[in-house]
C-alpha atoms as a PDB file:
ATOM      1  CA  GLN A   1      -0.036   0.007  -0.039  1.00  0.00           C
ATOM      2  CA  VAL A   2       1.335   3.412  -0.921  1.00  0.00           C
ATOM      3  CA  SER A   3       1.377   5.913   1.890  1.00  0.00           C
ATOM      4  CA  SER A   4       3.934   8.491   0.772  1.00  0.00           C
ATOM      5  CA  ILE A   5       4.749  10.086  -2.525  1.00  0.00           C
ATOM      6  CA  ARG A   6       7.641  12.259  -3.778  1.00  0.00           C
ATOM      7  CA  THR A   7       6.365  14.681  -6.338  1.00  0.00           C
ATOM      8  CA  CYS A   8       8.136  16.657  -9.023  1.00  0.00           C
ATOM      9  CA  LEU A   9       5.269  18.629 -10.408  1.00  0.00           C
ATOM     10  CA  ASP A  10       5.280  21.831 -12.238  1.00  0.00           C
ATOM     11  CA  ASN A  11       5.876  24.916 -10.173  1.00  0.00           C
ATOM     12  CA  ASP A  12       2.567  26.529 -11.072  1.00  0.00           C
ATOM     13  CA  ASP A  13      -1.002  26.654  -9.703  1.00  0.00           C
ATOM     14  CA  ALA A  14      -1.972  23.315 -11.229  1.00  0.00           C
ATOM     15  CA  GLY A  15       1.070  21.643  -9.712  1.00  0.00           C
ATOM     16  CA  ARG A  16       0.423  23.049  -6.284  1.00  0.00           C
ATOM     17  CA  ARG A  17      -3.277  22.085  -6.440  1.00  0.00           C
ATOM     18  CA  ALA A  18      -2.329  18.470  -7.417  1.00  0.00           C
ATOM     19  CA  THR A  19       0.098  18.330  -4.401  1.00  0.00           C
ATOM     20  CA  GLN A  20      -2.641  19.721  -2.083  1.00  0.00           C
ATOM     21  CA  GLU A  21      -5.103  17.060  -3.498  1.00  0.00           C
ATOM     22  CA  LEU A  22      -2.664  14.236  -2.713  1.00  0.00           C
ATOM     23  CA  ILE A  23      -2.254  15.657   0.787  1.00  0.00           C
ATOM     24  CA  ARG A  24      -5.955  15.788   1.310  1.00  0.00           C
ATOM     25  CA  ALA A  25      -6.350  12.224   0.064  1.00  0.00           C
ATOM     26  CA  GLY A  26      -4.051  11.177   3.018  1.00  0.00           C
ATOM     27  CA  PHE A  27      -0.732  10.745   1.334  1.00  0.00           C
ATOM     28  CA  LYS A  28       2.471  11.981   2.957  1.00  0.00           C
ATOM     29  CA  VAL A  29       3.894  14.159   0.207  1.00  0.00           C
ATOM     30  CA  GLU A  30       7.443  15.214  -0.270  1.00  0.00           C
ATOM     31  CA  ASP A  31       7.208  18.104  -2.649  1.00  0.00           C
ATOM     32  CA  MET A  32      10.546  18.240  -4.538  1.00  0.00           C
ATOM     33  CA  SER A  33       9.725  21.483  -6.312  1.00  0.00           C
ATOM     34  CA  VAL A  34      11.444  23.277  -3.437  1.00  0.00           C
ATOM     35  CA  HIS A  35      14.684  22.216  -5.178  1.00  0.00           C
ATOM     36  CA  TYR A  36      13.793  23.895  -8.473  1.00  0.00           C
ATOM     37  CA  GLY A  37      11.586  26.678  -6.997  1.00  0.00           C
ATOM     38  CA  SER A  38      12.728  29.493  -9.401  1.00  0.00           C
ATOM     39  CA  PHE A  39      12.012  27.386 -12.447  1.00  0.00           C
ATOM     40  CA  LYS A  40       8.712  26.482 -14.089  1.00  0.00           C
ATOM     41  CA  ASP A  41       9.325  22.769 -13.798  1.00  0.00           C
ATOM     42  CA  LEU A  42      12.057  20.139 -13.257  1.00  0.00           C
ATOM     43  CA  ASN A  43      12.866  20.041 -17.007  1.00  0.00           C
ATOM     44  CA  GLU A  44      13.520  23.767 -17.165  1.00  0.00           C
ATOM     45  CA  TYR A  45      15.836  23.395 -14.181  1.00  0.00           C
ATOM     46  CA  HIS A  46      17.844  20.567 -15.833  1.00  0.00           C
ATOM     47  CA  ILE A  47      18.100  22.588 -19.078  1.00  0.00           C
ATOM     48  CA  SER A  48      19.381  25.486 -17.120  1.00  0.00           C
ATOM     49  CA  ARG A  49      22.013  23.403 -15.353  1.00  0.00           C
ATOM     50  CA  VAL A  50      23.222  21.859 -18.581  1.00  0.00           C
ATOM     51  CA  ARG A  51      23.615  25.302 -20.173  1.00  0.00           C
ATOM     52  CA  GLU A  52      25.643  26.441 -17.071  1.00  0.00           C
ATOM     53  CA  GLN A  53      27.920  23.433 -17.400  1.00  0.00           C
ATOM     54  CA  GLN A  54      28.341  24.038 -21.250  1.00  0.00           C
ATOM     55  CA  LYS A  55      29.298  27.659 -20.532  1.00  0.00           C
ATOM     56  CA  LYS A  56      31.856  26.666 -17.969  1.00  0.00           C
ATOM     57  CA  LEU A  57      33.373  24.186 -20.440  1.00  0.00           C
ATOM     58  CA  GLU A  58      33.512  26.859 -23.157  1.00  0.00           C
ATOM     59  CA  LYS A  59      35.364  29.234 -20.807  1.00  0.00           C
ATOM     60  CA  ALA A  60      37.779  26.625 -19.514  1.00  0.00           C
ATOM     61  CA  PRO A  61      41.215  26.862 -21.079  1.00  0.00           C
ATOM     62  CA  LYS A  62      41.800  24.483 -23.920  1.00  0.00           C
ATOM     63  CA  THR A  63      44.460  21.902 -23.199  1.00  0.00           C
ATOM     64  CA  ASN A  64      46.323  19.834 -25.770  1.00  0.00           C
ATOM     65  CA  ASN A  65      46.469  16.373 -24.327  1.00  0.00           C
ATOM     66  CA  LYS A  66      48.380  14.943 -27.347  1.00  0.00           C
ATOM     67  CA  PRO A  67      51.859  13.920 -26.272  1.00  0.00           C
ATOM     68  CA  LYS A  68      54.737  15.664 -27.907  1.00  0.00           C
ATOM     69  CA  PRO A  69      56.755  13.595 -30.360  1.00  0.00           C
ATOM     70  CA  SER A  70      59.541  13.372 -27.874  1.00  0.00           C
ATOM     71  CA  GLN A  71      57.249  11.826 -25.323  1.00  0.00           C
ATOM     72  CA  THR A  72      56.099   9.005 -27.637  1.00  0.00           C
ATOM     73  CA  LYS A  73      57.966   5.740 -28.071  1.00  0.00           C
ATOM     74  CA  ASN A  74      58.725   4.722 -31.579  1.00  0.00           C
ATOM     75  CA  THR A  75      57.817   1.039 -31.801  1.00  0.00           C
ATOM     76  CA  ILE A  76      58.121   0.740 -35.649  1.00  0.00           C
ATOM     77  CA  GLY A  77      60.600  -1.942 -36.567  1.00  0.00           C
ATOM     78  CA  GLN A  78      61.155  -3.129 -33.019  1.00  0.00           C
END
């Protein structure tokens, strides 16, 4: 029997009403929208986070991970 629910509903009137209906129905509800409160929904939050990470990667200094010729071992003919 289900007694508790973790919700990730939209952060709008409909999402809040649905959460309240679940509470009134007797469920213990953990409303996860507190973690993405400034966003419309969980998807918008994730998209924002991905864009932040992309910007950080674009700003990071480019490194050349290729070894210099002097650092490689010539195995031809050995």
